[in-house]
Amino acid sequence: NLLNSFLHHFNRTDYPSSLCACGERDQTPLHLVTNCGLVEQSVLEKSCQLLILGNDTDNAEDLPDEPVTLLNCSRDPQFIAVCREVVELESLQLRRKIVLRKNSWCFFNSHCLMSPRRC
């Protein structure tokens, strides 16, 4: 996970903000596919429709910002296509990689507090 909300949680020095590039909310997977201002409204609506169906709820506001919300739709080819479209948007400025320094937090195991070389 290379989103601001995740990276900020582990390393506030290198990733001082958890906000999305839209500036509206924390940059979480659910935010990107349901209400990010940098994503076309039609894409957000399609994603919300699929998430509502996959999570057996009545509206998008009831969707919890939990990994299981996305996992419930992760095998749906339409949802995969929508997610891919969002991830490929240049306007979101999503990271494609991070550079781990010697004294960086370990991003490979969320319970590990050692440097990457010792993990």
Protein backbone atom coordinates (compact mmCIF):
# COMPACT_ATOMS: atom_id res chain seq x y z
CA ASN A 1 0.00 0.00 0.00
CA LEU A 2 1.67 3.20 -1.17
CA LEU A 3 -1.17 5.56 -0.28
CA ASN A 4 -0.60 8.57 1.96
CA SER A 5 -2.83 7.32 4.78
CA PHE A 6 -0.78 4.12 5.15
CA LEU A 7 2.67 5.67 4.72
CA HIS A 8 1.89 8.57 7.06
CA HIS A 9 0.85 6.10 9.76
CA PHE A 10 4.33 4.52 9.75
CA ASN A 11 6.61 7.42 8.91
CA ARG A 12 5.39 10.95 9.60
CA THR A 13 8.77 12.48 8.78
CA ASP A 14 8.96 11.32 5.15
CA TYR A 15 5.17 11.33 4.66
CA PRO A 16 3.91 14.34 6.68
CA SER A 17 0.34 14.23 5.40
CA SER A 18 -2.23 11.49 5.08
CA LEU A 19 -4.36 13.67 2.77
CA CYS A 20 -5.22 12.78 -0.78
CA ALA A 21 -4.03 15.06 -3.60
CA CYS A 22 -7.62 16.35 -3.80
CA GLY A 23 -7.17 17.77 -0.28
CA GLU A 24 -10.59 16.55 0.86
CA ARG A 25 -9.86 13.44 2.96
CA ASP A 26 -7.21 10.92 3.92
CA GLN A 27 -5.94 9.06 0.88
CA THR A 28 -7.43 5.61 1.48
CA PRO A 29 -8.43 3.04 -1.13
CA LEU A 30 -12.12 3.57 -0.37
CA HIS A 31 -11.80 7.36 -0.70
CA LEU A 32 -10.16 7.03 -4.12
CA VAL A 33 -12.97 4.89 -5.54
CA THR A 34 -15.97 6.51 -3.83
CA ASN A 35 -15.54 10.25 -3.36
CA CYS A 36 -12.20 11.67 -4.50
CA GLY A 37 -12.69 15.01 -6.23
CA LEU A 38 -9.98 14.18 -8.79
CA VAL A 39 -11.88 11.17 -10.16
CA GLU A 40 -14.64 11.62 -12.73
CA GLN A 41 -18.11 11.50 -11.20
CA SER A 42 -19.24 8.74 -13.56
CA VAL A 43 -16.36 6.52 -12.39
CA LEU A 44 -17.17 7.19 -8.74
CA GLU A 45 -20.84 6.41 -9.31
CA LYS A 46 -20.03 3.11 -11.03
CA SER A 47 -17.65 2.16 -8.23
CA CYS A 48 -20.21 3.03 -5.56
CA GLN A 49 -22.89 0.98 -7.32
CA LEU A 50 -20.60 -2.05 -7.42
CA LEU A 51 -19.51 -1.61 -3.79
CA ILE A 52 -23.13 -1.30 -2.63
CA LEU A 53 -24.02 -4.53 -4.43
CA GLY A 54 -20.93 -6.38 -3.25
CA ASN A 55 -21.37 -5.32 0.37
CA ASP A 56 -25.14 -5.81 0.57
CA THR A 57 -25.91 -2.28 1.74
CA ASP A 58 -28.35 0.38 0.63
CA ASN A 59 -26.03 3.34 0.05
CA ALA A 60 -22.37 4.32 -0.20
CA GLU A 61 -22.43 6.27 3.08
CA ASP A 62 -22.91 2.97 4.95
CA LEU A 63 -19.72 1.45 3.51
CA PRO A 64 -17.08 1.08 6.23
CA ASP A 65 -13.57 2.32 5.40
CA GLU A 66 -12.17 -1.17 5.99
CA PRO A 67 -10.20 -3.49 3.69
CA VAL A 68 -13.07 -5.99 3.64
CA THR A 69 -15.27 -3.42 1.86
CA LEU A 70 -13.02 -3.59 -1.20
CA LEU A 71 -12.26 -7.29 -0.81
CA ASN A 72 -15.95 -8.11 -1.10
CA CYS A 73 -15.80 -6.81 -4.69
CA SER A 74 -12.27 -7.84 -5.58
CA ARG A 75 -13.30 -10.64 -7.93
CA ASP A 76 -15.81 -8.59 -9.87
CA PRO A 77 -14.30 -7.81 -13.30
CA GLN A 78 -16.23 -4.53 -13.52
CA PHE A 79 -14.95 -3.39 -10.13
CA ILE A 80 -11.39 -4.36 -11.08
CA ALA A 81 -11.71 -2.29 -14.27
CA VAL A 82 -12.98 0.74 -12.31
CA CYS A 83 -10.14 0.44 -9.78
CA ARG A 84 -7.60 0.19 -12.56
CA GLU A 85 -9.01 3.30 -14.19
CA VAL A 86 -8.69 5.21 -10.90
CA VAL A 87 -5.15 4.00 -10.20
CA GLU A 88 -3.98 5.05 -13.66
CA LEU A 89 -5.17 8.67 -13.24
CA GLU A 90 -2.19 11.03 -13.37
CA SER A 91 -4.09 13.70 -11.42
CA LEU A 92 -4.00 11.55 -8.26
CA GLN A 93 -0.19 11.59 -8.21
CA LEU A 94 -0.09 8.05 -6.81
CA ARG A 95 3.29 6.59 -5.93
CA ARG A 96 4.54 3.71 -8.02
CA LYS A 97 7.37 2.91 -5.63
CA ILE A 98 9.01 4.08 -2.43
CA VAL A 99 12.65 4.17 -1.47
CA LEU A 100 13.50 2.59 1.85
CA ARG A 101 16.45 4.12 3.64
CA LYS A 102 18.63 2.35 6.16
CA ASN A 103 16.74 3.83 9.12
CA SER A 104 13.29 3.79 7.54
CA TRP A 105 10.39 1.96 9.05
CA CYS A 106 9.77 -1.48 7.65
CA PHE A 107 6.86 -1.47 5.20
CA PHE A 108 6.95 -5.22 4.61
CA ASN A 109 5.43 -6.21 7.93
CA SER A 110 3.16 -3.81 9.78
CA HIS A 111 4.19 -5.31 13.13
CA CYS A 112 7.92 -4.96 12.48
CA LEU A 113 9.64 -1.84 13.80
CA MET A 114 13.12 -2.73 12.57
CA SER A 115 14.98 -1.26 9.67
CA PRO A 116 14.40 -3.03 6.31
CA ARG A 117 17.78 -4.78 6.43
CA ARG A 118 16.89 -6.52 9.67
CA CYS A 119 13.33 -7.40 8.76
